[in-house]
């Protein structure tokens, strides 16, 4: 692996989540394409992208700042999932699966941030 972020388990899980969310959004109705579909995909991608960007050639303080952005993006995805569930685009089981994965990713980001201090 050529880049530091590639060995981070939290980045790997964020990449997997992004793929899973992409698959989920394929079943959303067309009227959600420029609304919820776009928003949840961008927020999910932002988690991994900010972990990667902050990890390369930055100070610990700067890396922590990028992890904070990734953390906020994860929370945004949780909120999007509530909207998806409210609009009856996913069932409770699907919601719980994604919610639990995001909970773990948030914990991992927080732990990584704490380790930088």
N, C-alpha and C. Protein backbone atom coordinates (compact mmCIF):
# COMPACT_ATOMS: atom_id res chain seq x y z
N UNK A 1 0.84 -1.18 0.00
CA UNK A 1 0.00 0.00 0.00
C UNK A 1 0.88 1.24 0.00
N UNK A 2 0.62 2.09 -0.93
CA UNK A 2 1.48 3.26 -1.13
C UNK A 2 1.11 4.45 -0.25
N UNK A 3 -0.11 4.51 0.21
CA UNK A 3 -0.56 5.66 0.97
C UNK A 3 -0.95 5.26 2.38
N UNK A 4 -0.66 6.13 3.33
CA UNK A 4 -0.92 5.87 4.75
C UNK A 4 -2.38 5.48 5.02
N UNK A 5 -3.31 6.19 4.40
CA UNK A 5 -4.73 5.97 4.68
C UNK A 5 -5.21 4.58 4.27
N UNK A 6 -4.55 3.97 3.29
CA UNK A 6 -4.99 2.67 2.80
C UNK A 6 -4.91 1.58 3.88
N UNK A 7 -4.04 1.76 4.85
CA UNK A 7 -3.92 0.77 5.92
C UNK A 7 -4.85 1.04 7.10
N UNK A 8 -5.56 2.15 7.07
CA UNK A 8 -6.47 2.49 8.16
C UNK A 8 -7.78 1.71 8.02
N UNK A 9 -8.10 0.93 9.04
CA UNK A 9 -9.34 0.13 9.01
C UNK A 9 -10.58 1.00 8.87
N UNK A 10 -10.56 2.17 9.49
CA UNK A 10 -11.72 3.06 9.41
C UNK A 10 -11.92 3.55 7.97
N UNK A 11 -10.83 3.81 7.27
CA UNK A 11 -10.95 4.22 5.86
C UNK A 11 -11.50 3.07 5.03
N UNK A 12 -11.00 1.85 5.27
CA UNK A 12 -11.47 0.68 4.54
C UNK A 12 -12.97 0.46 4.76
N UNK A 13 -13.41 0.63 5.99
CA UNK A 13 -14.84 0.46 6.29
C UNK A 13 -15.67 1.57 5.65
N UNK A 14 -15.12 2.77 5.62
CA UNK A 14 -15.84 3.89 4.99
C UNK A 14 -15.98 3.65 3.48
N UNK A 15 -14.95 3.09 2.87
CA UNK A 15 -15.00 2.75 1.45
C UNK A 15 -16.08 1.69 1.21
N UNK A 16 -16.11 0.67 2.06
CA UNK A 16 -17.14 -0.37 1.93
C UNK A 16 -18.54 0.20 2.10
N UNK A 17 -18.69 1.09 3.08
CA UNK A 17 -19.99 1.72 3.31
C UNK A 17 -20.43 2.52 2.09
N UNK A 18 -19.49 3.22 1.49
CA UNK A 18 -19.81 4.01 0.31
C UNK A 18 -20.35 3.12 -0.81
N UNK A 19 -19.74 1.97 -1.00
CA UNK A 19 -20.24 1.02 -2.01
C UNK A 19 -21.62 0.51 -1.66
N UNK A 20 -21.84 0.21 -0.38
CA UNK A 20 -23.15 -0.29 0.06
C UNK A 20 -24.24 0.77 -0.10
N UNK A 21 -23.92 2.01 0.23
CA UNK A 21 -24.89 3.10 0.06
C UNK A 21 -25.19 3.32 -1.42
N UNK A 22 -24.17 3.23 -2.25
CA UNK A 22 -24.38 3.36 -3.69
C UNK A 22 -25.36 2.30 -4.19
N UNK A 23 -25.18 1.08 -3.74
CA UNK A 23 -26.11 0.00 -4.13
C UNK A 23 -27.52 0.28 -3.61
N UNK A 24 -27.62 0.75 -2.37
CA UNK A 24 -28.92 1.07 -1.78
C UNK A 24 -29.66 2.11 -2.61
N UNK A 25 -28.95 3.15 -3.04
CA UNK A 25 -29.61 4.26 -3.74
C UNK A 25 -30.09 3.88 -5.13
N UNK A 26 -29.60 2.78 -5.64
CA UNK A 26 -30.06 2.34 -6.97
C UNK A 26 -31.53 1.98 -6.98
N UNK A 27 -32.08 1.69 -5.80
CA UNK A 27 -33.51 1.34 -5.75
C UNK A 27 -34.39 2.54 -5.37
N UNK A 28 -33.78 3.71 -5.15
CA UNK A 28 -34.56 4.91 -4.85
C UNK A 28 -35.29 5.37 -6.11
N UNK A 29 -36.45 6.00 -5.94
CA UNK A 29 -37.19 6.51 -7.11
C UNK A 29 -36.43 7.66 -7.79
N UNK A 30 -36.71 7.84 -9.06
CA UNK A 30 -36.03 8.88 -9.86
C UNK A 30 -36.20 10.28 -9.28
N UNK A 31 -37.34 10.55 -8.66
CA UNK A 31 -37.54 11.90 -8.12
C UNK A 31 -36.60 12.23 -6.97
N UNK A 32 -35.94 11.23 -6.43
CA UNK A 32 -34.95 11.45 -5.35
C UNK A 32 -33.53 11.64 -5.88
N UNK A 33 -33.34 11.49 -7.19
CA UNK A 33 -32.00 11.51 -7.78
C UNK A 33 -31.20 12.75 -7.40
N UNK A 34 -31.80 13.93 -7.51
CA UNK A 34 -31.07 15.17 -7.23
C UNK A 34 -31.31 15.68 -5.82
N UNK A 35 -31.96 14.89 -5.01
CA UNK A 35 -32.25 15.28 -3.64
C UNK A 35 -31.54 14.30 -2.72
N UNK A 36 -32.25 13.36 -2.21
CA UNK A 36 -31.73 12.44 -1.20
C UNK A 36 -30.64 11.51 -1.74
N UNK A 37 -30.80 11.01 -2.94
CA UNK A 37 -29.78 10.11 -3.51
C UNK A 37 -28.44 10.81 -3.59
N UNK A 38 -28.43 11.99 -4.16
CA UNK A 38 -27.19 12.75 -4.29
C UNK A 38 -26.60 13.10 -2.92
N UNK A 39 -27.44 13.53 -2.01
CA UNK A 39 -26.98 13.97 -0.69
C UNK A 39 -26.35 12.83 0.11
N UNK A 40 -27.01 11.69 0.16
CA UNK A 40 -26.48 10.58 0.97
C UNK A 40 -25.21 10.01 0.35
N UNK A 41 -25.13 9.98 -0.98
CA UNK A 41 -23.92 9.49 -1.63
C UNK A 41 -22.75 10.43 -1.40
N UNK A 42 -22.97 11.73 -1.53
CA UNK A 42 -21.89 12.69 -1.31
C UNK A 42 -21.41 12.68 0.13
N UNK A 43 -22.35 12.60 1.07
CA UNK A 43 -21.98 12.57 2.49
C UNK A 43 -21.20 11.29 2.82
N UNK A 44 -21.64 10.17 2.28
CA UNK A 44 -20.95 8.91 2.55
C UNK A 44 -19.55 8.93 1.95
N UNK A 45 -19.42 9.39 0.72
CA UNK A 45 -18.10 9.48 0.09
C UNK A 45 -17.18 10.42 0.88
N UNK A 46 -17.75 11.46 1.44
CA UNK A 46 -16.98 12.45 2.19
C UNK A 46 -16.27 11.84 3.40
N UNK A 47 -16.84 10.81 3.98
CA UNK A 47 -16.20 10.17 5.14
C UNK A 47 -14.82 9.66 4.74
N UNK A 48 -14.77 8.80 3.74
CA UNK A 48 -13.50 8.21 3.30
C UNK A 48 -12.57 9.26 2.70
N UNK A 49 -13.13 10.19 1.95
CA UNK A 49 -12.30 11.20 1.30
C UNK A 49 -11.59 12.09 2.31
N UNK A 50 -12.27 12.46 3.38
CA UNK A 50 -11.64 13.31 4.39
C UNK A 50 -10.61 12.55 5.22
N UNK A 51 -10.86 11.28 5.48
CA UNK A 51 -9.86 10.47 6.18
C UNK A 51 -8.59 10.41 5.33
N UNK A 52 -8.75 10.14 4.05
CA UNK A 52 -7.60 10.04 3.15
C UNK A 52 -6.87 11.38 3.04
N UNK A 53 -7.60 12.43 2.78
CA UNK A 53 -6.97 13.74 2.58
C UNK A 53 -6.21 14.19 3.82
N UNK A 54 -6.80 13.99 4.98
CA UNK A 54 -6.16 14.44 6.21
C UNK A 54 -4.96 13.63 6.62
N UNK A 55 -4.88 12.39 6.15
CA UNK A 55 -3.81 11.49 6.61
C UNK A 55 -2.48 11.72 5.90
N UNK A 56 -2.51 12.38 4.78
CA UNK A 56 -1.33 12.45 3.93
C UNK A 56 -0.62 13.79 4.07
N UNK A 57 0.56 13.73 4.63
CA UNK A 57 1.42 14.91 4.70
C UNK A 57 0.93 16.03 5.59
N UNK A 58 0.12 15.71 6.56
CA UNK A 58 -0.44 16.72 7.43
C UNK A 58 0.07 16.51 8.85
N UNK A 59 -0.03 17.55 9.64
CA UNK A 59 0.26 17.42 11.07
C UNK A 59 -0.88 16.66 11.72
N UNK A 60 -0.63 16.19 12.93
CA UNK A 60 -1.70 15.52 13.68
C UNK A 60 -2.90 16.43 13.89
N UNK A 61 -2.61 17.71 14.14
CA UNK A 61 -3.70 18.67 14.35
C UNK A 61 -4.55 18.80 13.08
N UNK A 62 -3.88 18.89 11.94
CA UNK A 62 -4.61 19.02 10.67
C UNK A 62 -5.36 17.72 10.34
N UNK A 63 -4.73 16.58 10.61
CA UNK A 63 -5.39 15.30 10.40
C UNK A 63 -6.64 15.22 11.27
N UNK A 64 -6.54 15.66 12.51
CA UNK A 64 -7.69 15.68 13.41
C UNK A 64 -8.82 16.53 12.89
N UNK A 65 -8.47 17.65 12.25
CA UNK A 65 -9.48 18.54 11.67
C UNK A 65 -10.23 17.81 10.54
N UNK A 66 -9.50 17.12 9.68
CA UNK A 66 -10.14 16.37 8.60
C UNK A 66 -10.98 15.22 9.14
N UNK A 67 -10.50 14.57 10.20
CA UNK A 67 -11.30 13.50 10.82
C UNK A 67 -12.60 14.07 11.37
N UNK A 68 -12.55 15.30 11.89
CA UNK A 68 -13.77 15.96 12.36
C UNK A 68 -14.77 16.18 11.24
N UNK A 69 -14.27 16.54 10.07
CA UNK A 69 -15.15 16.72 8.91
C UNK A 69 -15.75 15.38 8.51
N UNK A 70 -14.92 14.34 8.50
CA UNK A 70 -15.42 13.00 8.19
C UNK A 70 -16.46 12.54 9.20
N UNK A 71 -16.24 12.87 10.46
CA UNK A 71 -17.19 12.53 11.52
C UNK A 71 -18.53 13.21 11.29
N UNK A 72 -18.49 14.48 10.96
CA UNK A 72 -19.73 15.21 10.69
C UNK A 72 -20.45 14.66 9.46
N UNK A 73 -19.68 14.22 8.47
CA UNK A 73 -20.29 13.60 7.29
C UNK A 73 -20.99 12.30 7.67
N UNK A 74 -20.39 11.53 8.57
CA UNK A 74 -21.03 10.29 9.03
C UNK A 74 -22.35 10.58 9.72
N UNK A 75 -22.38 11.62 10.53
CA UNK A 75 -23.61 12.01 11.22
C UNK A 75 -24.66 12.48 10.20
N UNK A 76 -24.20 13.14 9.15
CA UNK A 76 -25.12 13.55 8.08
C UNK A 76 -25.74 12.33 7.40
N UNK A 77 -24.95 11.29 7.19
CA UNK A 77 -25.48 10.06 6.59
C UNK A 77 -26.54 9.44 7.49
N UNK A 78 -26.31 9.46 8.80
CA UNK A 78 -27.31 8.93 9.74
C UNK A 78 -28.63 9.69 9.57
N UNK A 79 -28.54 11.00 9.50
CA UNK A 79 -29.75 11.80 9.32
C UNK A 79 -30.42 11.50 7.99
N UNK A 80 -29.64 11.33 6.94
CA UNK A 80 -30.20 10.94 5.64
C UNK A 80 -30.93 9.61 5.73
N UNK A 81 -30.35 8.67 6.48
CA UNK A 81 -31.00 7.37 6.63
C UNK A 81 -32.36 7.49 7.31
N UNK A 82 -32.46 8.39 8.27
CA UNK A 82 -33.77 8.62 8.90
C UNK A 82 -34.77 9.13 7.86
N UNK A 83 -34.32 10.02 6.98
CA UNK A 83 -35.21 10.52 5.93
C UNK A 83 -35.59 9.40 4.97
N UNK A 84 -34.63 8.58 4.62
CA UNK A 84 -34.89 7.44 3.73
C UNK A 84 -35.92 6.51 4.35
N UNK A 85 -35.76 6.24 5.63
CA UNK A 85 -36.73 5.38 6.32
C UNK A 85 -38.10 6.04 6.40
N UNK A 86 -38.12 7.33 6.71
CA UNK A 86 -39.38 8.07 6.81
C UNK A 86 -40.14 8.06 5.48
N UNK A 87 -39.39 8.10 4.38
CA UNK A 87 -40.00 8.07 3.05
C UNK A 87 -40.28 6.64 2.58
N UNK A 88 -40.06 5.69 3.48
CA UNK A 88 -40.34 4.27 3.24
C UNK A 88 -39.57 3.71 2.04
N UNK A 89 -38.31 4.14 1.93
CA UNK A 89 -37.45 3.64 0.86
C UNK A 89 -36.57 2.48 1.35
N UNK A 90 -36.50 2.30 2.67
CA UNK A 90 -35.83 1.15 3.27
C UNK A 90 -36.68 0.64 4.43
N UNK A 91 -36.46 -0.61 4.77
CA UNK A 91 -37.19 -1.17 5.90
C UNK A 91 -36.36 -1.03 7.18
N UNK A 92 -36.90 -1.42 8.29
CA UNK A 92 -36.25 -1.27 9.58
C UNK A 92 -34.95 -2.07 9.66
N UNK A 93 -34.95 -3.25 9.08
CA UNK A 93 -33.73 -4.08 9.12
C UNK A 93 -32.59 -3.41 8.35
N UNK A 94 -32.88 -2.90 7.16
CA UNK A 94 -31.85 -2.19 6.38
C UNK A 94 -31.36 -0.97 7.13
N UNK A 95 -32.30 -0.22 7.70
CA UNK A 95 -31.93 0.96 8.47
C UNK A 95 -30.98 0.59 9.60
N UNK A 96 -31.34 -0.44 10.35
CA UNK A 96 -30.52 -0.87 11.49
C UNK A 96 -29.12 -1.30 11.06
N UNK A 97 -29.03 -2.00 9.96
CA UNK A 97 -27.73 -2.45 9.46
C UNK A 97 -26.83 -1.25 9.17
N UNK A 98 -27.34 -0.28 8.43
CA UNK A 98 -26.55 0.91 8.11
C UNK A 98 -26.27 1.75 9.36
N UNK A 99 -27.26 1.88 10.21
CA UNK A 99 -27.10 2.65 11.45
C UNK A 99 -25.99 2.06 12.31
N UNK A 100 -25.99 0.75 12.45
CA UNK A 100 -24.96 0.08 13.27
C UNK A 100 -23.57 0.24 12.66
N UNK A 101 -23.48 0.14 11.35
CA UNK A 101 -22.18 0.33 10.69
C UNK A 101 -21.67 1.75 10.88
N UNK A 102 -22.55 2.71 10.76
CA UNK A 102 -22.15 4.11 10.97
C UNK A 102 -21.75 4.37 12.41
N UNK A 103 -22.44 3.74 13.35
CA UNK A 103 -22.08 3.86 14.76
C UNK A 103 -20.64 3.39 14.97
N UNK A 104 -20.29 2.27 14.35
CA UNK A 104 -18.93 1.73 14.48
C UNK A 104 -17.90 2.65 13.82
N UNK A 105 -18.22 3.17 12.65
CA UNK A 105 -17.30 4.06 11.95
C UNK A 105 -17.09 5.34 12.77
N UNK A 106 -18.15 5.88 13.34
CA UNK A 106 -18.03 7.08 14.18
C UNK A 106 -17.11 6.80 15.37
N UNK A 107 -17.30 5.66 16.00
CA UNK A 107 -16.44 5.29 17.14
C UNK A 107 -14.98 5.18 16.71
N UNK A 108 -14.76 4.59 15.55
CA UNK A 108 -13.39 4.44 15.04
C UNK A 108 -12.75 5.79 14.72
N UNK A 109 -13.52 6.68 14.13
CA UNK A 109 -12.99 8.02 13.83
C UNK A 109 -12.65 8.75 15.13
N UNK A 110 -13.55 8.67 16.11
CA UNK A 110 -13.29 9.33 17.40
C UNK A 110 -12.06 8.76 18.08
N UNK A 111 -11.89 7.45 18.03
CA UNK A 111 -10.73 6.82 18.63
C UNK A 111 -9.44 7.26 17.92
N UNK A 112 -9.49 7.33 16.60
CA UNK A 112 -8.33 7.77 15.85
C UNK A 112 -7.99 9.23 16.18
N UNK A 113 -9.00 10.07 16.25
CA UNK A 113 -8.78 11.48 16.64
C UNK A 113 -8.14 11.57 18.03
N UNK A 114 -8.67 10.79 18.97
CA UNK A 114 -8.12 10.82 20.32
C UNK A 114 -6.68 10.34 20.37
N UNK A 115 -6.31 9.41 19.50
CA UNK A 115 -4.95 8.89 19.49
C UNK A 115 -3.95 9.91 18.96
N UNK A 116 -4.43 10.92 18.26
CA UNK A 116 -3.55 11.95 17.69
C UNK A 116 -3.16 13.01 18.71
N UNK A 117 -3.88 13.09 19.82
CA UNK A 117 -3.64 14.14 20.81
C UNK A 117 -2.47 13.84 21.70
